[in-house]
Full PDB file with SEQRES, HELIX, SHEET, SSBOND, CRYST1, ORIGX, SCALE, CONECT and MASTER records, all heavy atoms in Angstrom:
SEQRES   1 A   35  THR PHE ASN GLY ILE GLN PRO LYS ASP LEU TYR GLY MET          
SEQRES   2 A   35  THR ARG ALA GLY PHE SER GLY THR GLY LYS LEU ASN ARG          
SEQRES   3 A   35  LYS ASP PHE GLY MET VAL TRP ASN LYS                          
HELIX    1 AA1 ARG A   26  PHE A   29  5                                   4    
SHEET    1 AA1 2 PHE A   2  GLN A   6  0                                        
SHEET    2 AA1 2 ARG A  15  PHE A  18 -1                                        
CRYST1    1.000    1.000    1.000  90.00  90.00  90.00 P 1           1          
ORIGX1      1.000000  0.000000  0.000000        0.00000                         
ORIGX2      0.000000  1.000000  0.000000        0.00000                         
ORIGX3      0.000000  0.000000  1.000000        0.00000                         
SCALE1      1.000000  0.000000  0.000000        0.00000                         
SCALE2      0.000000  1.000000  0.000000        0.00000                         
SCALE3      0.000000  0.000000  1.000000        0.00000                         
ATOM      1  N   THR A   1      96.028 101.898  61.506  1.00  0.00           N  
ATOM      2  CA  THR A   1      96.463 100.550  61.176  1.00  0.00           C  
ATOM      3  C   THR A   1      97.932 100.588  60.685  1.00  0.00           C  
ATOM      4  O   THR A   1      98.384 101.654  60.173  1.00  0.00           O  
ATOM      5  CB  THR A   1      95.622  99.926  60.097  1.00  0.00           C  
ATOM      6  OG1 THR A   1      95.656 100.845  58.971  1.00  0.00           O  
ATOM      7  CG2 THR A   1      94.201  99.786  60.558  1.00  0.00           C  
ATOM      8  N   PHE A   2      98.667  99.575  60.996  1.00  0.00           N  
ATOM      9  CA  PHE A   2      99.958  99.360  60.548  1.00  0.00           C  
ATOM     10  C   PHE A   2      99.822  98.540  59.185  1.00  0.00           C  
ATOM     11  O   PHE A   2      99.367  97.425  59.241  1.00  0.00           O  
ATOM     12  CB  PHE A   2     100.823  98.595  61.574  1.00  0.00           C  
ATOM     13  CG  PHE A   2     102.105  98.175  61.082  1.00  0.00           C  
ATOM     14  CD1 PHE A   2     102.939  99.005  60.307  1.00  0.00           C  
ATOM     15  CD2 PHE A   2     102.634  96.919  61.437  1.00  0.00           C  
ATOM     16  CE1 PHE A   2     104.209  98.586  59.849  1.00  0.00           C  
ATOM     17  CE2 PHE A   2     103.910  96.498  61.083  1.00  0.00           C  
ATOM     18  CZ  PHE A   2     104.676  97.353  60.312  1.00  0.00           C  
ATOM     19  N   ASN A   3     100.222  99.160  58.083  1.00  0.00           N  
ATOM     20  CA  ASN A   3      99.959  98.550  56.814  1.00  0.00           C  
ATOM     21  C   ASN A   3     101.069  97.582  56.333  1.00  0.00           C  
ATOM     22  O   ASN A   3     100.919  96.915  55.325  1.00  0.00           O  
ATOM     23  CB  ASN A   3      99.802  99.627  55.744  1.00  0.00           C  
ATOM     24  CG  ASN A   3      98.642 100.495  56.087  1.00  0.00           C  
ATOM     25  OD1 ASN A   3      97.652 100.048  56.594  1.00  0.00           O  
ATOM     26  ND2 ASN A   3      98.734 101.773  55.689  1.00  0.00           N  
ATOM     27  N   GLY A   4     102.129  97.487  57.113  1.00  0.00           N  
ATOM     28  CA  GLY A   4     103.153  96.474  56.774  1.00  0.00           C  
ATOM     29  C   GLY A   4     104.499  97.109  56.416  1.00  0.00           C  
ATOM     30  O   GLY A   4     104.670  98.335  56.475  1.00  0.00           O  
ATOM     31  N   ILE A   5     105.380  96.253  56.184  1.00  0.00           N  
ATOM     32  CA  ILE A   5     106.816  96.548  55.896  1.00  0.00           C  
ATOM     33  C   ILE A   5     107.200  96.155  54.462  1.00  0.00           C  
ATOM     34  O   ILE A   5     106.820  95.048  53.984  1.00  0.00           O  
ATOM     35  CB  ILE A   5     107.749  95.800  56.870  1.00  0.00           C  
ATOM     36  CG1 ILE A   5     107.608  96.395  58.253  1.00  0.00           C  
ATOM     37  CG2 ILE A   5     109.205  96.037  56.423  1.00  0.00           C  
ATOM     38  CD1 ILE A   5     108.227  97.741  58.477  1.00  0.00           C  
ATOM     39  N   GLN A   6     107.865  97.020  53.745  1.00  0.00           N  
ATOM     40  CA  GLN A   6     108.493  96.663  52.504  1.00  0.00           C  
ATOM     41  C   GLN A   6     110.047  96.716  52.764  1.00  0.00           C  
ATOM     42  O   GLN A   6     110.716  97.731  52.899  1.00  0.00           O  
ATOM     43  CB  GLN A   6     108.187  97.713  51.422  1.00  0.00           C  
ATOM     44  CG  GLN A   6     108.901  97.569  50.077  1.00  0.00           C  
ATOM     45  CD  GLN A   6     108.765  96.143  49.568  1.00  0.00           C  
ATOM     46  OE1 GLN A   6     109.703  95.376  49.550  1.00  0.00           O  
ATOM     47  NE2 GLN A   6     107.511  95.849  48.961  1.00  0.00           N  
ATOM     48  N   PRO A   7     110.592  95.376  52.893  1.00  0.00           N  
ATOM     49  CA  PRO A   7     112.056  95.316  53.291  1.00  0.00           C  
ATOM     50  C   PRO A   7     113.053  95.896  52.364  1.00  0.00           C  
ATOM     51  O   PRO A   7     114.120  96.174  52.736  1.00  0.00           O  
ATOM     52  CB  PRO A   7     112.188  93.853  53.508  1.00  0.00           C  
ATOM     53  CG  PRO A   7     111.189  93.171  52.646  1.00  0.00           C  
ATOM     54  CD  PRO A   7     110.013  94.127  52.700  1.00  0.00           C  
ATOM     55  N   LYS A   8     112.646  96.046  51.103  1.00  0.00           N  
ATOM     56  CA  LYS A   8     113.596  96.549  50.109  1.00  0.00           C  
ATOM     57  C   LYS A   8     112.969  97.269  48.983  1.00  0.00           C  
ATOM     58  O   LYS A   8     112.298  96.646  48.180  1.00  0.00           O  
ATOM     59  CB  LYS A   8     114.538  95.447  49.586  1.00  0.00           C  
ATOM     60  CG  LYS A   8     115.731  95.928  48.773  1.00  0.00           C  
ATOM     61  CD  LYS A   8     116.568  94.752  48.417  1.00  0.00           C  
ATOM     62  CE  LYS A   8     117.832  95.259  47.607  1.00  0.00           C  
ATOM     63  NZ  LYS A   8     118.763  94.106  47.216  1.00  0.00           N  
ATOM     64  N   ASP A   9     113.011  98.586  48.965  1.00  0.00           N  
ATOM     65  CA  ASP A   9     112.393  99.320  47.890  1.00  0.00           C  
ATOM     66  C   ASP A   9     113.351  99.448  46.691  1.00  0.00           C  
ATOM     67  O   ASP A   9     114.355  98.732  46.601  1.00  0.00           O  
ATOM     68  CB  ASP A   9     111.925 100.789  48.324  1.00  0.00           C  
ATOM     69  CG  ASP A   9     113.114 101.665  48.638  1.00  0.00           C  
ATOM     70  OD1 ASP A   9     114.270 101.257  48.458  1.00  0.00           O  
ATOM     71  OD2 ASP A   9     112.851 102.702  49.219  1.00  0.00           O  
ATOM     72  N   LEU A  10     113.068 100.236  45.690  1.00  0.00           N  
ATOM     73  CA  LEU A  10     113.911 100.363  44.529  1.00  0.00           C  
ATOM     74  C   LEU A  10     115.322 100.812  44.802  1.00  0.00           C  
ATOM     75  O   LEU A  10     116.238 100.622  44.042  1.00  0.00           O  
ATOM     76  CB  LEU A  10     113.249 101.285  43.530  1.00  0.00           C  
ATOM     77  CG  LEU A  10     111.871 100.843  43.003  1.00  0.00           C  
ATOM     78  CD1 LEU A  10     111.295 101.911  42.070  1.00  0.00           C  
ATOM     79  CD2 LEU A  10     111.990  99.536  42.271  1.00  0.00           C  
ATOM     80  N   TYR A  11     115.557 101.484  46.001  1.00  0.00           N  
ATOM     81  CA  TYR A  11     116.869 101.955  46.342  1.00  0.00           C  
ATOM     82  C   TYR A  11     117.409 101.212  47.547  1.00  0.00           C  
ATOM     83  O   TYR A  11     118.387 101.595  48.090  1.00  0.00           O  
ATOM     84  CB  TYR A  11     116.674 103.475  46.783  1.00  0.00           C  
ATOM     85  CG  TYR A  11     116.063 104.279  45.625  1.00  0.00           C  
ATOM     86  CD1 TYR A  11     114.717 104.647  45.647  1.00  0.00           C  
ATOM     87  CD2 TYR A  11     116.845 104.720  44.567  1.00  0.00           C  
ATOM     88  CE1 TYR A  11     114.167 105.329  44.639  1.00  0.00           C  
ATOM     89  CE2 TYR A  11     116.294 105.446  43.523  1.00  0.00           C  
ATOM     90  CZ  TYR A  11     114.891 105.727  43.592  1.00  0.00           C  
ATOM     91  OH  TYR A  11     114.320 106.555  42.588  1.00  0.00           O  
ATOM     92  N   GLY A  12     116.868 100.086  47.837  1.00  0.00           N  
ATOM     93  CA  GLY A  12     117.405  99.129  48.880  1.00  0.00           C  
ATOM     94  C   GLY A  12     117.030  99.575  50.349  1.00  0.00           C  
ATOM     95  O   GLY A  12     117.630  99.072  51.314  1.00  0.00           O  
ATOM     96  N   MET A  13     116.021 100.525  50.468  1.00  0.00           N  
ATOM     97  CA  MET A  13     115.634 101.017  51.756  1.00  0.00           C  
ATOM     98  C   MET A  13     114.372 100.236  52.252  1.00  0.00           C  
ATOM     99  O   MET A  13     113.598  99.831  51.491  1.00  0.00           O  
ATOM    100  CB  MET A  13     115.378 102.483  51.767  1.00  0.00           C  
ATOM    101  CG  MET A  13     116.672 103.282  51.447  1.00  0.00           C  
ATOM    102  SD  MET A  13     116.417 105.120  51.583  1.00  0.00           S  
ATOM    103  CE  MET A  13     115.342 105.341  50.119  1.00  0.00           C  
ATOM    104  N   THR A  14     114.299 100.147  53.596  1.00  0.00           N  
ATOM    105  CA  THR A  14     113.183  99.491  54.218  1.00  0.00           C  
ATOM    106  C   THR A  14     112.127 100.558  54.549  1.00  0.00           C  
ATOM    107  O   THR A  14     112.384 101.542  55.097  1.00  0.00           O  
ATOM    108  CB  THR A  14     113.572  98.784  55.581  1.00  0.00           C  
ATOM    109  OG1 THR A  14     114.561  97.799  55.246  1.00  0.00           O  
ATOM    110  CG2 THR A  14     112.384  98.092  56.207  1.00  0.00           C  
ATOM    111  N   ARG A  15     110.886 100.246  54.134  1.00  0.00           N  
ATOM    112  CA  ARG A  15     109.757 101.206  54.313  1.00  0.00           C  
ATOM    113  C   ARG A  15     108.643 100.573  55.150  1.00  0.00           C  
ATOM    114  O   ARG A  15     108.476  99.356  55.120  1.00  0.00           O  
ATOM    115  CB  ARG A  15     109.237 101.714  52.960  1.00  0.00           C  
ATOM    116  CG  ARG A  15     110.158 102.616  52.190  1.00  0.00           C  
ATOM    117  CD  ARG A  15     109.582 102.941  50.880  1.00  0.00           C  
ATOM    118  NE  ARG A  15     110.455 103.913  50.133  1.00  0.00           N  
ATOM    119  CZ  ARG A  15     110.415 105.235  50.230  1.00  0.00           C  
ATOM    120  NH1 ARG A  15     109.453 105.807  50.937  1.00  0.00           N  
ATOM    121  NH2 ARG A  15     111.255 105.949  49.561  1.00  0.00           N  
ATOM    122  N   ALA A  16     107.910 101.492  55.839  1.00  0.00           N  
ATOM    123  CA  ALA A  16     106.738 100.975  56.602  1.00  0.00           C  
ATOM    124  C   ALA A  16     105.583 101.956  56.334  1.00  0.00           C  
ATOM    125  O   ALA A  16     105.790 103.134  56.049  1.00  0.00           O  
ATOM    126  CB  ALA A  16     107.008 100.956  58.084  1.00  0.00           C  
ATOM    127  N   GLY A  17     104.387 101.488  56.426  1.00  0.00           N  
ATOM    128  CA  GLY A  17     103.200 102.297  56.111  1.00  0.00           C  
ATOM    129  C   GLY A  17     102.109 102.238  57.158  1.00  0.00           C  
ATOM    130  O   GLY A  17     101.921 101.229  57.793  1.00  0.00           O  
ATOM    131  N   PHE A  18     101.526 103.401  57.403  1.00  0.00           N  
ATOM    132  CA  PHE A  18     100.456 103.504  58.380  1.00  0.00           C  
ATOM    133  C   PHE A  18      99.295 104.333  57.879  1.00  0.00           C  
ATOM    134  O   PHE A  18      99.501 105.255  56.998  1.00  0.00           O  
ATOM    135  CB  PHE A  18     100.923 104.237  59.679  1.00  0.00           C  
ATOM    136  CG  PHE A  18     102.027 103.528  60.381  1.00  0.00           C  
ATOM    137  CD1 PHE A  18     103.424 103.705  59.936  1.00  0.00           C  
ATOM    138  CD2 PHE A  18     101.868 102.671  61.418  1.00  0.00           C  
ATOM    139  CE1 PHE A  18     104.453 103.104  60.609  1.00  0.00           C  
ATOM    140  CE2 PHE A  18     102.892 102.043  62.073  1.00  0.00           C  
ATOM    141  CZ  PHE A  18     104.175 102.210  61.578  1.00  0.00           C  
ATOM    142  N   SER A  19      98.102 104.068  58.306  1.00  0.00           N  
ATOM    143  CA  SER A  19      96.860 104.869  58.036  1.00  0.00           C  
ATOM    144  C   SER A  19      96.262 105.282  59.404  1.00  0.00           C  
ATOM    145  O   SER A  19      96.213 104.433  60.257  1.00  0.00           O  
ATOM    146  CB  SER A  19      95.892 104.144  57.158  1.00  0.00           C  
ATOM    147  OG  SER A  19      96.435 103.791  55.872  1.00  0.00           O  
ATOM    148  N   GLY A  20      95.795 106.508  59.505  1.00  0.00           N  
ATOM    149  CA  GLY A  20      95.240 106.913  60.798  1.00  0.00           C  
ATOM    150  C   GLY A  20      94.169 108.001  60.545  1.00  0.00           C  
ATOM    151  O   GLY A  20      94.160 108.709  59.562  1.00  0.00           O  
ATOM    152  N   THR A  21      93.251 108.058  61.538  1.00  0.00           N  
ATOM    153  CA  THR A  21      92.259 109.104  61.594  1.00  0.00           C  
ATOM    154  C   THR A  21      92.109 109.590  62.988  1.00  0.00           C  
ATOM    155  O   THR A  21      92.526 108.901  64.054  1.00  0.00           O  
ATOM    156  CB  THR A  21      90.904 108.632  61.110  1.00  0.00           C  
ATOM    157  OG1 THR A  21      90.529 107.507  61.920  1.00  0.00           O  
ATOM    158  CG2 THR A  21      90.937 108.122  59.675  1.00  0.00           C  
ATOM    159  N   GLY A  22      91.544 110.767  63.130  1.00  0.00           N  
ATOM    160  CA  GLY A  22      91.314 111.311  64.478  1.00  0.00           C  
ATOM    161  C   GLY A  22      90.373 112.495  64.348  1.00  0.00           C  
ATOM    162  O   GLY A  22      89.931 112.912  63.253  1.00  0.00           O  
ATOM    163  N   LYS A  23      90.034 113.135  65.485  1.00  0.00           N  
ATOM    164  CA  LYS A  23      89.136 114.292  65.501  1.00  0.00           C  
ATOM    165  C   LYS A  23      89.602 115.232  66.604  1.00  0.00           C  
ATOM    166  O   LYS A  23      90.151 114.870  67.587  1.00  0.00           O  
ATOM    167  CB  LYS A  23      87.670 113.845  65.785  1.00  0.00           C  
ATOM    168  CG  LYS A  23      87.072 113.015  64.705  1.00  0.00           C  
ATOM    169  CD  LYS A  23      85.575 112.677  65.083  1.00  0.00           C  
ATOM    170  CE  LYS A  23      84.997 111.833  64.029  1.00  0.00           C  
ATOM    171  NZ  LYS A  23      83.528 111.470  64.355  1.00  0.00           N  
ATOM    172  N   LEU A  24      89.347 116.482  66.358  1.00  0.00           N  
ATOM    173  CA  LEU A  24      89.583 117.511  67.307  1.00  0.00           C  
ATOM    174  C   LEU A  24      88.573 118.673  67.189  1.00  0.00           C  
ATOM    175  O   LEU A  24      87.975 118.819  66.079  1.00  0.00           O  
ATOM    176  CB  LEU A  24      91.017 118.008  67.291  1.00  0.00           C  
ATOM    177  CG  LEU A  24      91.413 118.777  65.983  1.00  0.00           C  
ATOM    178  CD1 LEU A  24      91.072 120.293  65.982  1.00  0.00           C  
ATOM    179  CD2 LEU A  24      92.998 118.638  65.779  1.00  0.00           C  
ATOM    180  N   ASN A  25      88.353 119.388  68.270  1.00  0.00           N  
ATOM    181  CA  ASN A  25      87.587 120.583  68.210  1.00  0.00           C  
ATOM    182  C   ASN A  25      88.450 121.755  68.127  1.00  0.00           C  
ATOM    183  O   ASN A  25      89.213 122.031  69.057  1.00  0.00           O  
ATOM    184  CB  ASN A  25      86.644 120.660  69.437  1.00  0.00           C  
ATOM    185  CG  ASN A  25      85.551 121.761  69.307  1.00  0.00           C  
ATOM    186  OD1 ASN A  25      85.835 122.877  68.915  1.00  0.00           O  
ATOM    187  ND2 ASN A  25      84.329 121.478  69.567  1.00  0.00           N  
ATOM    188  N   ARG A  26      88.394 122.531  67.042  1.00  0.00           N  
ATOM    189  CA  ARG A  26      89.275 123.671  66.807  1.00  0.00           C  
ATOM    190  C   ARG A  26      89.193 124.698  67.902  1.00  0.00           C  
ATOM    191  O   ARG A  26      90.129 125.423  68.280  1.00  0.00           O  
ATOM    192  CB  ARG A  26      89.142 124.250  65.442  1.00  0.00           C  
ATOM    193  CG  ARG A  26      87.821 124.900  65.159  1.00  0.00           C  
ATOM    194  CD  ARG A  26      87.622 125.242  63.719  1.00  0.00           C  
ATOM    195  NE  ARG A  26      86.347 125.914  63.419  1.00  0.00           N  
ATOM    196  CZ  ARG A  26      86.178 127.202  63.500  1.00  0.00           C  
ATOM    197  NH1 ARG A  26      87.160 128.025  63.817  1.00  0.00           N  
ATOM    198  NH2 ARG A  26      84.943 127.748  63.135  1.00  0.00           N  
ATOM    199  N   LYS A  27      87.929 124.856  68.557  1.00  0.00           N  
ATOM    200  CA  LYS A  27      87.762 125.833  69.566  1.00  0.00           C  
ATOM    201  C   LYS A  27      88.588 125.528  70.830  1.00  0.00           C  
ATOM    202  O   LYS A  27      88.948 126.416  71.579  1.00  0.00           O  
ATOM    203  CB  LYS A  27      86.310 125.919  69.865  1.00  0.00           C  
ATOM    204  CG  LYS A  27      85.418 126.669  68.900  1.00  0.00           C  
ATOM    205  CD  LYS A  27      83.989 126.887  69.393  1.00  0.00           C  
ATOM    206  CE  LYS A  27      83.228 127.702  68.417  1.00  0.00           C  
ATOM    207  NZ  LYS A  27      81.801 127.860  68.866  1.00  0.00           N  
ATOM    208  N   ASP A  28      88.876 124.232  71.018  1.00  0.00           N  
ATOM    209  CA  ASP A  28      89.719 123.830  72.144  1.00  0.00           C  
ATOM    210  C   ASP A  28      91.116 124.462  72.083  1.00  0.00           C  
ATOM    211  O   ASP A  28      91.794 124.627  73.099  1.00  0.00           O  
ATOM    212  CB  ASP A  28      89.899 122.308  72.236  1.00  0.00           C  
ATOM    213  CG  ASP A  28      88.530 121.643  72.583  1.00  0.00           C  
ATOM    214  OD1 ASP A  28      87.696 122.325  73.178  1.00  0.00           O  
ATOM    215  OD2 ASP A  28      88.453 120.415  72.401  1.00  0.00           O  
ATOM    216  N   PHE A  29      91.511 124.820  70.883  1.00  0.00           N  
ATOM    217  CA  PHE A  29      92.831 125.417  70.694  1.00  0.00           C  
ATOM    218  C   PHE A  29      92.700 127.028  70.477  1.00  0.00           C  
ATOM    219  O   PHE A  29      93.728 127.656  70.109  1.00  0.00           O  
ATOM    220  CB  PHE A  29      93.500 124.823  69.486  1.00  0.00           C  
ATOM    221  CG  PHE A  29      93.822 123.344  69.716  1.00  0.00           C  
ATOM    222  CD1 PHE A  29      92.855 122.412  69.364  1.00  0.00           C  
ATOM    223  CD2 PHE A  29      95.028 122.928  70.314  1.00  0.00           C  
ATOM    224  CE1 PHE A  29      93.083 121.105  69.558  1.00  0.00           C  
ATOM    225  CE2 PHE A  29      95.234 121.568  70.429  1.00  0.00           C  
ATOM    226  CZ  PHE A  29      94.294 120.589  70.103  1.00  0.00           C  
ATOM    227  N   GLY A  30      91.546 127.551  70.651  1.00  0.00           N  
ATOM    228  CA  GLY A  30      91.381 128.983  70.581  1.00  0.00           C  
ATOM    229  C   GLY A  30      91.103 129.468  69.163  1.00  0.00           C  
ATOM    230  O   GLY A  30      91.135 130.649  68.899  1.00  0.00           O  
ATOM    231  N   MET A  31      90.779 128.534  68.259  1.00  0.00           N  
ATOM    232  CA  MET A  31      90.460 128.852  66.854  1.00  0.00           C  
ATOM    233  C   MET A  31      88.956 129.073  66.722  1.00  0.00           C  
ATOM    234  O   MET A  31      88.302 128.162  66.414  1.00  0.00           O  
ATOM    235  CB  MET A  31      91.000 127.725  65.876  1.00  0.00           C  
ATOM    236  CG  MET A  31      91.021 128.181  64.430  1.00  0.00           C  
ATOM    237  SD  MET A  31      91.640 126.821  63.394  1.00  0.00           S  
ATOM    238  CE  MET A  31      93.332 126.670  63.930  1.00  0.00           C  
ATOM    239  N   VAL A  32      88.455 130.219  67.011  1.00  0.00           N  
ATOM    240  CA  VAL A  32      87.017 130.424  67.198  1.00  0.00           C  
ATOM    241  C   VAL A  32      86.299 131.184  66.024  1.00  0.00           C  
ATOM    242  O   VAL A  32      85.138 131.364  66.133  1.00  0.00           O  
ATOM    243  CB  VAL A  32      86.763 131.118  68.501  1.00  0.00           C  
ATOM    244  CG1 VAL A  32      87.303 130.282  69.737  1.00  0.00           C  
ATOM    245  CG2 VAL A  32      87.509 132.486  68.555  1.00  0.00           C  
ATOM    246  N   TRP A  33      87.045 131.633  65.062  1.00  0.00           N  
ATOM    247  CA  TRP A  33      86.444 132.514  64.041  1.00  0.00           C  
ATOM    248  C   TRP A  33      85.359 131.711  63.296  1.00  0.00           C  
ATOM    249  O   TRP A  33      85.422 130.528  63.025  1.00  0.00           O  
ATOM    250  CB  TRP A  33      87.457 132.910  62.951  1.00  0.00           C  
ATOM    251  CG  TRP A  33      86.885 133.756  61.913  1.00  0.00           C  
ATOM    252  CD1 TRP A  33      86.901 135.147  61.908  1.00  0.00           C  
ATOM    253  CD2 TRP A  33      86.229 133.352  60.657  1.00  0.00           C  
ATOM    254  NE1 TRP A  33      86.250 135.611  60.811  1.00  0.00           N  
ATOM    255  CE2 TRP A  33      85.769 134.567  60.060  1.00  0.00           C  
ATOM    256  CE3 TRP A  33      85.883 132.161  60.167  1.00  0.00           C  
ATOM    257  CZ2 TRP A  33      85.130 134.501  58.868  1.00  0.00           C  
ATOM    258  CZ3 TRP A  33      85.221 132.165  58.918  1.00  0.00           C  
ATOM    259  CH2 TRP A  33      84.868 133.318  58.257  1.00  0.00           C  
ATOM    260  N   ASN A  34      84.232 132.469  63.089  1.00  0.00           N  
ATOM    261  CA  ASN A  34      83.117 131.870  62.288  1.00  0.00           C  
ATOM    262  C   ASN A  34      82.174 132.933  61.865  1.00  0.00           C  
ATOM    263  O   ASN A  34      82.295 134.081  62.256  1.00  0.00           O  
ATOM    264  CB  ASN A  34      82.336 130.824  63.171  1.00  0.00           C  
ATOM    265  CG  ASN A  34      81.948 129.588  62.370  1.00  0.00           C  
ATOM    266  OD1 ASN A  34      81.701 129.640  61.194  1.00  0.00           O  
ATOM    267  ND2 ASN A  34      81.950 128.447  63.051  1.00  0.00           N  
ATOM    268  N   LYS A  35      81.222 132.519  60.978  1.00  0.00           N  
ATOM    269  CA  LYS A  35      80.098 133.444  60.635  1.00  0.00           C  
ATOM    270  C   LYS A  35      78.814 132.692  60.628  1.00  0.00           C  
ATOM    271  O   LYS A  35      78.791 131.541  60.192  1.00  0.00           O  
ATOM    272  CB  LYS A  35      80.400 134.009  59.166  1.00  0.00           C  
ATOM    273  CG  LYS A  35      81.426 135.106  59.153  1.00  0.00           C  
ATOM    274  CD  LYS A  35      81.500 135.778  57.793  1.00  0.00           C  
ATOM    275  CE  LYS A  35      82.380 137.039  57.834  1.00  0.00           C  
ATOM    276  NZ  LYS A  35      82.385 137.725  56.492  1.00  0.00           N  
TER     277      LYS A  35                                                      
MASTER        0    0    0    1    2    0    0    6  276    1    0    3          
END                                                                             
């Protein structure tokens, strides 16, 4: 999600915020160690 814009922070800069999630299988990248 795009959480919005803060056009002026305490230092006069414009900020934007995002939240995100995802998934991956580590074995797809060759990370196979386990017990």
